[in-house]
Amino acid sequence: MESSRTRPFILGVAALAISGVVAYAIYFDYKRRTDATFRRRLKKEQKKVNKSRGPEPSVLVPGISSNDLRDALEKIRGETVPDSVQEKELYFMEQVGIGEQLSTRGPNFHLAAALSFYRALRVYPSPVELIVIYERTVPADIFKIVMELTSLDVKDKVEGYYNYFPPKSMNVEVSQLTKPDGGRKNILLASRDFETGEVVYKEQPVVTALDSDLEAKGTYCSQCLRKIVKGMSLQAPDDIAKATYCSRECQTQAAAQHHKLLFSLEPAIPSAAQEETPEATKKRRDAQEEWLKSMEGHKTSSTSGPLLVARFLARQVSAETAKMNSATGRAPQLAVAQEDTSSQYSLYDHIERLRYLELSGTEKDSAALRKVLATAMEGLQEFVTDDRYATLRGKMAYNCIGVCYSGGRDDKPVAEIRPEDVEKTRTPFGTQRQIGCGLYSVTSYVSHSCNPNARPSFADGTAHLSLVANRPIKKGEEITIAFVDVSQKHGETVIDARRRRRMELVRGWRFACECQRCTDEAPLNGSASDILPNTDGSRVERVVSSFEAGPAF
């Protein structure tokens, strides 16, 4: 009987995948939700299911309707899923064993068997691999049900994302706008009325970075970007990055989120701590110093992109590590400001949907960071391919907000590269006046306008952002900010000011502004320098564009 071969084959492969690679356990959530290969596989298998199903779409196999599957899926979603590697392994073995037994009892038990195989799939770190195994070993009708359940689950999570994000308490919602060229763009709308000067919402950054010329100087906090009173900074004596902090809280928070993984010699996973050989320790330190040296070269270009990407990836690892430690009953070491582990969406779910700029020449930075990750925990480097790194750098370049308070600064060195190659951040004061920047999940959806109805404010002197209404905003109105300084400078004509800000937008975000102000101020007989291509050079990830364009499964 076919099912008699199922359990040994599945369990033999699974034992290697679940208990053998800690890095895959950390990134399990990432692989299951965002692996493009996984989604393509689902589409392929779903086509097979649809083809074999026949003309009646409401019945998958005799006696099982789509409503039955939906009800079963909702029940499984309410079940507690184990978090630790050991618990996942035991759970996997148990569910496969139950599925194997039920599959021998006839059609009346097909759904129950499929549910057990599906539960096992939920905790398996390499879902594509397991689907291939299932296809070879699980009876065809049961495999169809498993694929339908998986398809429904992924589809619901993808399409239901904006039902949960942004949180209702932030008074805004994401809506999709169809552009004149037929493309789609997500924008942010007010979910209630706001008066002039009213705070629409407040938001903490996902990651921050000081401007490269301020890093390690001790004048600003490396975590919250607060200005530090002379003689009051905190710095670990053995910190090769020479990061400085305004308080013990910020120092602890930075260590938990990214600093420990990137710059220390402590185990990446405290609960799995093991003594490293002197050779391994030296290799890790050498990789860190090599990466720091590579970032020194970016000071002339005034870019914080490499550090932002590294901190983002490290924070992902930190969040997953916190889940594992919590599941095993161990208090997460330095667990401050971690992600909400009860949420069904992760950091990667947020950043995956953001637009990005296509950048080139990032391969050396990518290779240097991979060495740091590999020496911290073997396997982490597999998730930082050159393409993936370039995309993340492009997301930072397109979405980061410049942090300016008290009018900003006027001592930032001029970048030693061409103006069109300088990475910009969104700030109405102009990138040259910022002291650093941050990535904000919600504010990344705010579009530009040269006559914006809102502005980012950092009134408490940190990277904690408040979005403030410039004028009354009605419910359902799009919220906009100025990505660049849109004021008219002394000695500038209206036409000159328009040309300057539009050129900055093209250089920084690769689009020609067509807002109402730019339209109203356009010269009647524009010169060649006033004519900019009416295109948007930003991109969305292919997997995102496919499900936003229509049904993906």
Protein backbone atom coordinates (compact mmCIF):
# COMPACT_ATOMS: atom_id res chain seq x y z
CA MET A 1 0.00 0.00 0.00
CA GLU A 2 1.33 3.45 -0.97
CA SER A 3 0.83 4.99 2.44
CA SER A 4 2.99 2.34 4.10
CA ARG A 5 6.04 4.04 2.54
CA THR A 6 5.00 7.49 3.62
CA ARG A 7 6.12 7.75 7.22
CA PRO A 8 9.72 6.44 7.06
CA PHE A 9 10.54 8.53 4.00
CA ILE A 10 9.02 11.76 5.33
CA LEU A 11 10.42 11.35 8.83
CA GLY A 12 13.89 10.48 7.60
CA VAL A 13 14.22 13.70 5.62
CA ALA A 14 12.44 15.78 8.24
CA ALA A 15 14.76 14.75 11.06
CA LEU A 16 17.67 16.32 9.18
CA ALA A 17 15.84 19.52 8.29
CA ILE A 18 14.17 20.28 11.61
CA SER A 19 16.83 19.37 14.15
CA GLY A 20 19.98 19.91 12.08
CA VAL A 21 19.93 23.56 11.02
CA VAL A 22 19.32 26.18 13.70
CA ALA A 23 19.50 29.01 11.19
CA TYR A 24 16.50 27.60 9.33
CA ALA A 25 14.57 27.48 12.58
CA ILE A 26 15.27 31.17 13.12
CA TYR A 27 14.13 32.03 9.62
CA PHE A 28 11.25 29.55 9.42
CA ASP A 29 8.70 32.35 9.43
CA TYR A 30 10.59 34.14 6.66
CA LYS A 31 10.77 31.03 4.46
CA ARG A 32 7.14 30.00 4.88
CA ARG A 33 5.62 33.39 4.14
CA THR A 34 7.96 35.04 1.67
CA ASP A 35 9.75 32.33 -0.30
CA ALA A 36 8.88 33.08 -3.93
CA THR A 37 9.73 29.50 -4.92
CA PHE A 38 7.22 28.25 -2.37
CA ARG A 39 4.51 30.47 -3.83
CA ARG A 40 5.32 29.42 -7.38
CA ARG A 41 5.12 25.80 -6.29
CA LEU A 42 1.72 26.44 -4.74
CA LYS A 43 0.48 27.96 -7.98
CA LYS A 44 1.76 24.99 -9.98
CA GLU A 45 0.19 22.43 -7.67
CA GLN A 46 -3.03 24.43 -7.48
CA LYS A 47 -3.33 24.31 -11.26
CA LYS A 48 -3.06 20.52 -11.08
CA VAL A 49 -5.75 20.46 -8.41
CA ASN A 50 -8.05 22.72 -10.41
CA LYS A 51 -7.54 20.65 -13.56
CA SER A 52 -8.35 17.38 -11.83
CA ARG A 53 -11.27 18.83 -9.91
CA GLY A 54 -13.61 19.07 -12.86
CA PRO A 55 -16.35 21.61 -13.53
CA GLU A 56 -17.66 21.81 -9.95
CA PRO A 57 -15.46 24.32 -8.06
CA SER A 58 -17.11 23.89 -4.67
CA VAL A 59 -16.11 20.23 -4.23
CA LEU A 60 -12.48 19.13 -4.09
CA VAL A 61 -12.98 15.40 -3.57
CA PRO A 62 -16.24 13.49 -3.01
CA GLY A 63 -17.84 14.49 0.27
CA ILE A 64 -15.53 17.46 0.94
CA SER A 65 -16.59 20.97 -0.05
CA SER A 66 -14.63 24.21 -0.07
CA ASN A 67 -16.66 25.30 2.95
CA ASP A 68 -15.48 22.19 4.82
CA LEU A 69 -11.90 23.16 4.07
CA ARG A 70 -12.44 26.73 5.14
CA ASP A 71 -13.96 25.64 8.45
CA ALA A 72 -11.13 23.18 9.05
CA LEU A 73 -8.52 25.81 8.29
CA GLU A 74 -10.07 28.27 10.73
CA LYS A 75 -9.97 25.58 13.42
CA ILE A 76 -6.29 24.87 12.79
CA ARG A 77 -5.45 28.58 12.89
CA GLY A 78 -6.80 28.67 16.42
CA GLU A 79 -4.47 25.89 17.53
CA THR A 80 -1.23 26.63 19.34
CA VAL A 81 1.86 25.96 17.24
CA PRO A 82 5.06 24.94 19.08
CA ASP A 83 7.93 27.43 18.94
CA SER A 84 11.11 25.61 19.95
CA VAL A 85 13.06 23.41 17.56
CA GLN A 86 12.64 20.35 19.78
CA GLU A 87 8.89 20.85 20.19
CA LYS A 88 8.44 21.38 16.45
CA GLU A 89 10.27 18.15 15.73
CA LEU A 90 8.09 16.13 18.12
CA TYR A 91 4.94 17.81 16.82
CA PHE A 92 5.96 17.09 13.22
CA MET A 93 6.60 13.40 13.92
CA GLU A 94 3.30 13.08 15.75
CA GLN A 95 1.22 14.70 12.98
CA VAL A 96 2.86 12.72 10.19
CA GLY A 97 2.24 9.52 12.13
CA ILE A 98 -1.45 10.37 12.61
CA GLY A 99 -1.79 11.32 8.94
CA GLU A 100 -0.18 8.07 7.84
CA GLN A 101 -2.55 6.02 9.98
CA LEU A 102 -5.69 7.89 8.91
CA SER A 103 -4.78 7.68 5.21
CA THR A 104 -5.21 3.88 5.36
CA ARG A 105 -8.79 4.06 6.64
CA GLY A 106 -10.55 5.10 3.48
CA PRO A 107 -12.19 8.20 1.93
CA ASN A 108 -14.14 9.10 5.07
CA PHE A 109 -10.83 9.90 6.78
CA HIS A 110 -9.16 11.76 3.88
CA LEU A 111 -9.88 15.19 5.33
CA ALA A 112 -8.65 14.25 8.81
CA ALA A 113 -5.48 12.75 7.32
CA ALA A 114 -4.87 15.85 5.20
CA LEU A 115 -5.28 18.09 8.25
CA SER A 116 -2.56 16.17 10.07
CA PHE A 117 -0.19 16.40 7.10
CA TYR A 118 -1.00 20.09 6.84
CA ARG A 119 -0.24 20.65 10.53
CA ALA A 120 3.13 19.02 9.96
CA LEU A 121 3.77 21.32 7.00
CA ARG A 122 3.12 24.38 9.15
CA VAL A 123 6.15 23.67 11.34
CA TYR A 124 8.49 22.36 8.65
CA PRO A 125 11.38 24.79 7.92
CA SER A 126 11.61 24.00 4.20
CA PRO A 127 8.01 23.79 2.90
CA VAL A 128 8.95 23.39 -0.78
CA GLU A 129 10.95 20.28 0.05
CA LEU A 130 8.13 18.77 2.08
CA ILE A 131 5.55 19.46 -0.64
CA VAL A 132 7.72 17.50 -3.08
CA ILE A 133 7.91 14.62 -0.58
CA TYR A 134 4.16 14.71 -0.03
CA GLU A 135 3.52 14.63 -3.77
CA ARG A 136 5.54 11.42 -4.07
CA THR A 137 4.24 9.61 -1.01
CA VAL A 138 0.83 10.87 0.13
CA PRO A 139 -2.27 9.45 -1.65
CA ALA A 140 -3.39 11.76 -4.46
CA ASP A 141 -6.76 12.79 -3.01
CA ILE A 142 -5.20 13.60 0.36
CA PHE A 143 -2.38 15.55 -1.30
CA LYS A 144 -4.95 17.65 -3.18
CA ILE A 145 -6.59 18.59 0.12
CA VAL A 146 -3.23 19.50 1.68
CA MET A 147 -2.42 21.76 -1.26
CA GLU A 148 -5.83 23.41 -1.10
CA LEU A 149 -5.41 24.11 2.62
CA THR A 150 -1.93 25.52 2.08
CA SER A 151 -3.13 27.65 -0.82
CA LEU A 152 -6.04 29.06 1.20
CA ASP A 153 -3.81 29.83 4.17
CA VAL A 154 -1.15 31.69 2.20
CA LYS A 155 -3.76 33.51 0.12
CA ASP A 156 -5.62 34.70 3.22
CA LYS A 157 -2.44 35.92 4.88
CA VAL A 158 -1.32 37.77 1.76
CA GLU A 159 -4.67 39.35 1.00
CA GLY A 160 -5.57 39.99 4.62
CA TYR A 161 -2.41 41.89 5.48
CA TYR A 162 -3.97 45.33 5.23
CA ASN A 163 -6.85 44.26 7.47
CA TYR A 164 -4.32 44.26 10.31
CA PHE A 165 -1.83 46.86 9.14
CA PRO A 166 -1.60 49.68 9.98
CA PRO A 167 -3.06 49.19 13.49
CA LYS A 168 -6.47 50.85 13.82
CA SER A 169 -5.13 53.00 16.66
CA MET A 170 -2.94 54.91 14.17
CA ASN A 171 -6.00 56.50 12.50
CA VAL A 172 -4.86 55.70 8.94
CA GLU A 173 -5.37 52.96 6.37
CA VAL A 174 -3.62 51.79 3.22
CA SER A 175 -5.46 52.04 -0.09
CA GLN A 176 -4.41 51.11 -3.60
CA LEU A 177 -4.28 53.86 -6.22
CA THR A 178 -4.35 53.15 -9.95
CA LYS A 179 -1.95 55.54 -11.71
CA PRO A 180 -2.54 57.08 -15.18
CA ASP A 181 -0.08 54.63 -16.72
CA GLY A 182 -2.11 51.69 -15.36
CA GLY A 183 0.30 50.89 -12.57
CA ARG A 184 -0.74 50.52 -8.95
CA LYS A 185 0.57 52.29 -5.88
CA ASN A 186 -0.33 52.00 -2.22
CA ILE A 187 -1.14 55.26 -0.47
CA LEU A 188 -2.09 56.27 3.07
CA LEU A 189 -5.56 57.66 3.85
CA ALA A 190 -6.88 59.32 6.99
CA SER A 191 -9.49 57.22 8.75
CA ARG A 192 -10.95 60.24 10.58
CA ASP A 193 -10.86 64.05 10.43
CA PHE A 194 -7.85 65.98 11.78
CA GLU A 195 -7.41 69.64 12.62
CA THR A 196 -4.35 71.76 11.86
CA GLY A 197 -1.52 70.91 14.27
CA GLU A 198 -3.13 67.67 15.42
CA VAL A 199 -0.94 64.56 15.64
CA VAL A 200 -2.24 61.95 13.21
CA TYR A 201 -0.12 59.17 14.71
CA LYS A 202 3.20 58.44 16.38
CA GLU A 203 5.61 55.78 15.20
CA GLN A 204 8.87 54.26 16.40
CA PRO A 205 11.44 53.33 13.74
CA VAL A 206 12.18 49.76 12.75
CA VAL A 207 15.87 50.63 12.40
CA THR A 208 17.86 53.85 12.57
CA ALA A 209 21.34 55.05 11.66
CA LEU A 210 23.23 58.24 12.32
CA ASP A 211 24.74 60.00 9.33
CA SER A 212 28.07 58.34 8.61
CA ASP A 213 30.09 61.40 9.66
CA LEU A 214 28.43 61.33 13.12
CA GLU A 215 28.84 57.62 13.87
CA ALA A 216 31.32 56.91 16.69
CA LYS A 217 31.79 60.61 17.51
CA GLY A 218 29.88 60.45 20.77
CA THR A 219 27.72 63.48 20.04
CA TYR A 220 24.47 61.61 19.23
CA CYS A 221 22.93 58.38 20.44
CA SER A 222 23.49 55.51 18.00
CA GLN A 223 20.07 54.06 18.83
CA CYS A 224 17.51 56.84 19.35
CA LEU A 225 19.58 59.62 17.66
CA ARG A 226 19.23 61.95 20.66
CA LYS A 227 21.87 64.66 21.07
CA ILE A 228 24.16 63.64 23.94
CA VAL A 229 25.29 66.10 26.57
CA LYS A 230 29.08 66.30 26.59
CA GLY A 231 30.59 63.81 29.01
CA MET A 232 27.32 61.86 29.41
CA SER A 233 27.67 59.27 26.64
CA LEU A 234 27.87 55.51 27.26
CA GLN A 235 30.23 53.30 25.30
CA ALA A 236 31.42 49.74 25.86
CA PRO A 237 35.23 49.72 26.09
CA ASP A 238 35.59 46.69 23.81
CA ASP A 239 33.06 47.85 21.17
CA ILE A 240 34.87 47.88 17.83
CA ALA A 241 32.04 49.93 16.28
CA LYS A 242 32.52 52.63 18.95
CA ALA A 243 28.75 53.10 19.22
CA THR A 244 27.67 55.64 21.81
CA TYR A 245 24.38 55.86 23.67
CA CYS A 246 22.45 58.44 25.65
CA SER A 247 21.22 55.94 28.24
CA ARG A 248 21.58 52.40 29.48
CA GLU A 249 18.13 51.67 28.03
CA CYS A 250 19.24 52.58 24.50
CA GLN A 251 22.45 50.59 24.88
CA THR A 252 20.52 47.51 26.03
CA GLN A 253 17.93 47.93 23.30
CA ALA A 254 20.58 48.20 20.58
CA ALA A 255 22.35 45.09 21.87
CA ALA A 256 19.12 43.10 21.79
CA GLN A 257 18.07 44.25 18.33
CA HIS A 258 21.29 44.21 16.32
CA HIS A 259 24.56 45.18 17.98
CA LYS A 260 25.27 41.86 19.70
CA LEU A 261 24.97 39.89 16.46
CA LEU A 262 26.91 42.33 14.29
CA PHE A 263 29.71 43.54 16.54
CA SER A 264 30.11 41.31 19.60
CA LEU A 265 31.55 37.84 20.11
CA GLU A 266 28.59 36.62 22.15
CA PRO A 267 26.59 33.61 20.85
CA ALA A 268 23.87 34.66 18.40
CA ILE A 269 21.44 32.37 20.25
CA PRO A 270 22.09 32.38 24.02
CA SER A 271 19.94 29.29 24.57
CA ALA A 272 22.11 27.35 22.13
CA ALA A 273 25.39 28.71 23.47
CA GLN A 274 28.47 26.64 22.86
CA GLU A 275 32.14 27.40 23.31
CA GLU A 276 33.83 28.66 20.18
CA THR A 277 37.39 27.78 19.36
CA PRO A 278 39.96 30.58 19.36
CA GLU A 279 40.15 30.19 15.59
CA ALA A 280 36.39 30.65 15.20
CA THR A 281 36.41 33.67 17.49
CA LYS A 282 39.23 35.28 15.51
CA LYS A 283 37.43 34.54 12.25
CA ARG A 284 34.29 36.25 13.55
CA ARG A 285 36.19 39.30 14.75
CA ASP A 286 38.11 39.55 11.47
CA ALA A 287 34.83 39.45 9.52
CA GLN A 288 33.38 42.24 11.66
CA GLU A 289 36.46 44.43 11.25
CA GLU A 290 36.52 43.81 7.51
CA TRP A 291 32.88 44.86 7.25
CA LEU A 292 33.50 48.00 9.31
CA LYS A 293 36.38 48.87 7.03
CA SER A 294 34.14 48.47 3.99
CA MET A 295 31.60 50.87 5.53
CA GLU A 296 34.32 53.48 6.09
CA GLY A 297 34.39 53.89 2.32
CA HIS A 298 30.78 55.09 2.38
CA LYS A 299 31.53 58.19 4.44
CA THR A 300 32.49 60.11 1.30
CA SER A 301 29.10 59.26 -0.23
CA SER A 302 27.11 60.02 2.96
CA THR A 303 25.09 56.83 2.76
CA SER A 304 23.82 54.84 5.75
CA GLY A 305 22.30 52.11 3.60
CA PRO A 306 24.74 49.28 4.47
CA LEU A 307 24.31 49.81 8.21
CA LEU A 308 20.51 50.05 7.95
CA VAL A 309 20.29 46.78 6.01
CA ALA A 310 22.58 44.99 8.47
CA ARG A 311 20.58 46.23 11.45
CA PHE A 312 17.32 45.23 9.81
CA LEU A 313 18.52 41.68 9.15
CA ALA A 314 19.95 41.43 12.66
CA ARG A 315 16.65 42.58 14.12
CA GLN A 316 14.88 39.80 12.24
CA VAL A 317 17.21 37.27 13.81
CA SER A 318 16.68 38.90 17.21
CA ALA A 319 12.89 38.64 16.90
CA GLU A 320 13.00 34.95 15.97
CA THR A 321 15.53 34.23 18.71
CA ALA A 322 13.20 35.83 21.24
CA LYS A 323 10.42 33.47 20.11
CA MET A 324 12.66 30.44 20.55
CA ASN A 325 13.85 31.51 24.00
CA SER A 326 10.30 32.25 25.09
CA ALA A 327 9.14 28.83 23.95
CA THR A 328 11.85 27.00 25.89
CA GLY A 329 11.15 28.98 29.06
CA ARG A 330 14.43 30.88 28.93
CA ALA A 331 14.25 34.60 29.47
CA PRO A 332 15.54 36.24 26.30
CA GLN A 333 18.88 37.86 27.01
CA LEU A 334 18.64 41.62 26.59
CA ALA A 335 15.07 41.20 25.31
CA VAL A 336 14.04 44.83 24.99
CA ALA A 337 11.64 46.24 22.38
CA GLN A 338 11.36 42.94 20.52
CA GLU A 339 8.68 42.26 17.94
CA ASP A 340 5.21 41.26 19.10
CA THR A 341 5.51 37.49 18.86
CA SER A 342 1.74 37.07 18.93
CA SER A 343 1.39 38.85 15.60
CA GLN A 344 0.85 36.73 12.52
CA TYR A 345 2.98 39.12 10.49
CA SER A 346 6.72 39.63 10.80
CA LEU A 347 9.21 42.38 9.99
CA TYR A 348 9.71 40.80 6.60
CA ASP A 349 5.99 40.92 5.85
CA HIS A 350 6.18 44.69 6.36
CA ILE A 351 9.27 45.42 4.30
CA GLU A 352 8.35 43.01 1.50
CA ARG A 353 5.49 45.27 0.43
CA LEU A 354 7.52 48.49 0.27
CA ARG A 355 8.72 49.99 -2.99
CA TYR A 356 12.42 50.08 -3.77
CA LEU A 357 15.00 51.59 -6.12
CA GLU A 358 17.17 49.39 -8.29
CA LEU A 359 20.75 49.94 -7.16
CA SER A 360 24.01 48.60 -8.58
CA GLY A 361 27.49 48.12 -7.18
CA THR A 362 26.38 46.63 -3.85
CA GLU A 363 28.05 43.22 -4.25
CA LYS A 364 31.12 44.01 -2.08
CA ASP A 365 28.93 45.24 0.77
CA SER A 366 26.76 42.14 0.45
CA ALA A 367 29.77 39.80 0.55
CA ALA A 368 31.24 41.53 3.62
CA LEU A 369 27.93 41.28 5.52
CA ARG A 370 27.54 37.60 4.61
CA LYS A 371 30.88 36.87 6.29
CA VAL A 372 29.71 38.60 9.47
CA LEU A 373 26.50 36.57 9.54
CA ALA A 374 28.17 33.28 8.65
CA THR A 375 30.73 33.60 11.46
CA ALA A 376 27.96 34.52 13.93
CA MET A 377 25.82 31.52 12.99
CA GLU A 378 26.41 29.22 10.07
CA GLY A 379 23.47 29.32 7.68
CA LEU A 380 22.40 32.95 8.17
CA GLN A 381 24.42 34.04 5.16
CA GLU A 382 22.19 31.97 2.88
CA PHE A 383 19.45 34.58 3.23
CA VAL A 384 21.60 37.48 1.99
CA THR A 385 22.14 36.89 -1.70
CA ASP A 386 23.48 39.76 -3.79
CA ASP A 387 20.04 40.34 -5.30
CA ARG A 388 18.28 40.25 -1.92
CA TYR A 389 20.80 42.65 -0.44
CA ALA A 390 20.48 45.07 -3.37
CA THR A 391 16.69 45.04 -2.98
CA LEU A 392 16.91 45.80 0.74
CA ARG A 393 19.37 48.62 0.07
CA GLY A 394 16.93 49.96 -2.51
CA LYS A 395 14.09 49.83 0.01
CA MET A 396 16.11 51.81 2.53
CA ALA A 397 17.04 54.36 -0.15
CA TYR A 398 13.43 54.85 -1.24
CA ASN A 399 11.59 54.77 2.10
CA CYS A 400 13.81 56.12 4.89
CA ILE A 401 12.78 59.31 6.68
CA GLY A 402 15.41 61.91 7.55
CA VAL A 403 15.50 62.76 11.26
CA CYS A 404 15.71 66.52 11.82
CA TYR A 405 14.87 68.38 14.99
CA SER A 406 15.51 71.94 16.18
CA GLY A 407 15.83 73.00 12.54
CA GLY A 408 18.46 70.41 11.69
CA ARG A 409 22.19 70.97 11.34
CA ASP A 410 24.36 72.95 8.95
CA ASP A 411 27.72 71.17 9.33
CA LYS A 412 27.16 68.03 7.28
CA PRO A 413 30.05 67.37 4.86
CA VAL A 414 29.20 67.60 1.18
CA ALA A 415 29.23 64.18 -0.46
CA GLU A 416 32.23 63.58 -2.72
CA ILE A 417 30.18 62.01 -5.48
CA ARG A 418 27.88 63.24 -8.22
CA PRO A 419 24.66 64.83 -6.91
CA GLU A 420 22.55 62.32 -8.81
CA ASP A 421 24.31 59.45 -6.98
CA VAL A 422 23.72 60.79 -3.46
CA GLU A 423 21.13 58.75 -1.56
CA LYS A 424 18.41 61.01 -0.17
CA THR A 425 15.89 60.59 2.62
CA ARG A 426 12.40 61.99 2.97
CA THR A 427 12.60 65.20 4.97
CA PRO A 428 11.09 68.65 4.35
CA PHE A 429 14.31 70.19 5.72
CA GLY A 430 16.47 68.53 3.07
CA THR A 431 18.81 65.56 3.56
CA GLN A 432 21.77 67.89 4.12
CA ARG A 433 20.26 69.06 7.44
CA GLN A 434 19.42 65.68 8.99
CA ILE A 435 21.46 64.00 11.72
CA GLY A 436 20.36 60.51 10.74
CA CYS A 437 17.49 58.52 9.30
CA GLY A 438 15.12 55.69 10.08
CA LEU A 439 12.81 53.19 8.41
CA TYR A 440 9.18 53.52 9.51
CA SER A 441 6.69 50.81 8.53
CA VAL A 442 3.60 53.05 8.26
CA THR A 443 5.17 56.33 7.16
CA SER A 444 6.79 54.51 4.22
CA TYR A 445 3.33 54.54 2.61
CA VAL A 446 3.03 58.34 2.69
CA SER A 447 3.39 59.94 -0.76
CA HIS A 448 5.11 63.20 -1.67
CA SER A 449 3.45 66.50 -2.40
CA CYS A 450 5.01 69.94 -2.88
CA ASN A 451 2.02 71.26 -0.91
CA PRO A 452 1.74 68.53 1.74
CA ASN A 453 -1.07 68.27 4.27
CA ALA A 454 1.21 66.71 6.93
CA ARG A 455 4.82 66.72 8.13
CA PRO A 456 7.08 64.42 10.15
CA SER A 457 8.04 65.90 13.50
CA PHE A 458 10.70 64.82 16.00
CA ALA A 459 9.73 67.20 18.79
CA ASP A 460 11.14 65.04 21.60
CA GLY A 461 14.63 65.17 20.10
CA THR A 462 14.77 61.48 19.15
CA ALA A 463 13.86 59.32 16.17
CA HIS A 464 10.34 58.90 17.58
CA LEU A 465 8.22 60.26 14.71
CA SER A 466 4.98 62.21 15.06
CA LEU A 467 3.00 62.87 11.90
CA VAL A 468 1.40 66.30 12.30
CA ALA A 469 -1.37 67.82 10.17
CA ASN A 470 -0.32 71.00 8.31
CA ARG A 471 -3.96 71.88 7.65
CA PRO A 472 -7.36 70.25 8.21
CA ILE A 473 -7.47 66.70 6.82
CA LYS A 474 -10.76 65.00 6.06
CA LYS A 475 -11.54 61.33 6.55
CA GLY A 476 -10.62 59.43 3.38
CA GLU A 477 -8.16 62.12 2.21
CA GLU A 478 -4.71 61.00 1.12
CA ILE A 479 -1.96 61.96 3.55
CA THR A 480 1.14 63.52 2.00
CA ILE A 481 4.47 64.93 3.17
CA ALA A 482 7.31 66.74 1.42
CA PHE A 483 10.23 64.45 0.58
CA VAL A 484 12.44 67.51 -0.09
CA ASP A 485 12.67 71.15 0.93
CA VAL A 486 9.76 72.69 -1.01
CA SER A 487 10.19 76.25 0.24
CA GLN A 488 11.18 79.04 -2.10
CA LYS A 489 14.70 80.22 -1.24
CA HIS A 490 15.85 83.82 -1.09
CA GLY A 491 16.69 84.94 -4.60
CA GLU A 492 14.85 82.03 -6.26
CA THR A 493 12.01 82.60 -8.67
CA VAL A 494 8.94 80.41 -8.53
CA ILE A 495 10.18 78.62 -11.64
CA ASP A 496 13.65 78.11 -10.18
CA ALA A 497 12.24 76.66 -6.94
CA ARG A 498 9.98 74.32 -8.88
CA ARG A 499 12.86 73.13 -11.06
CA ARG A 500 15.12 72.54 -8.01
CA ARG A 501 12.67 70.46 -6.01
CA ARG A 502 11.54 68.42 -9.03
CA MET A 503 15.15 67.67 -9.93
CA GLU A 504 15.84 66.53 -6.35
CA LEU A 505 12.85 64.19 -6.54
CA VAL A 506 14.05 62.70 -9.80
CA ARG A 507 17.52 62.15 -8.38
CA GLY A 508 16.35 60.76 -5.06
CA TRP A 509 13.19 58.79 -5.93
CA ARG A 510 13.16 58.69 -9.74
CA PHE A 511 9.80 60.27 -10.40
CA ALA A 512 8.70 63.59 -11.84
CA CYS A 513 6.34 65.37 -9.48
CA GLU A 514 2.94 66.12 -10.99
CA CYS A 515 1.27 67.48 -7.86
CA GLN A 516 -1.19 70.37 -8.13
CA ARG A 517 1.41 72.93 -7.07
CA CYS A 518 3.89 71.78 -9.72
CA THR A 519 1.12 71.88 -12.32
CA ASP A 520 0.02 75.38 -11.29
CA GLU A 521 3.58 76.72 -11.26
CA ALA A 522 4.65 75.19 -14.57
CA PRO A 523 6.03 77.78 -17.04
CA LEU A 524 3.80 78.46 -20.04
CA ASN A 525 6.69 77.89 -22.41
CA GLY A 526 8.86 75.40 -20.58
CA SER A 527 12.49 74.93 -21.54
CA ALA A 528 14.08 71.53 -22.03
CA SER A 529 15.28 71.58 -18.41
CA ASP A 530 11.67 71.85 -17.20
CA ILE A 531 10.59 68.72 -19.05
CA LEU A 532 11.10 65.55 -17.01
CA PRO A 533 10.00 62.03 -17.92
CA ASN A 534 6.59 61.30 -16.43
CA THR A 535 7.59 57.87 -15.12
CA ASP A 536 8.10 56.23 -11.75
CA GLY A 537 11.48 54.50 -11.48
CA SER A 538 10.68 52.72 -8.21
CA ARG A 539 9.80 49.04 -8.19
CA VAL A 540 7.80 46.53 -6.19
CA GLU A 541 8.90 42.96 -5.65
CA ARG A 542 7.56 40.57 -8.24
CA VAL A 543 5.74 38.37 -5.77
CA VAL A 544 3.99 41.46 -4.34
CA SER A 545 2.95 42.83 -7.72
CA SER A 546 1.52 39.44 -8.68
CA PHE A 547 -0.87 39.19 -5.73
CA GLU A 548 -1.76 42.90 -5.79
CA ALA A 549 -2.68 42.63 -9.47
CA GLY A 550 -5.27 39.97 -8.81
CA PRO A 551 -5.92 36.48 -7.43
CA ALA A 552 -2.64 34.65 -6.97
CA PHE A 553 -4.00 31.16 -6.48
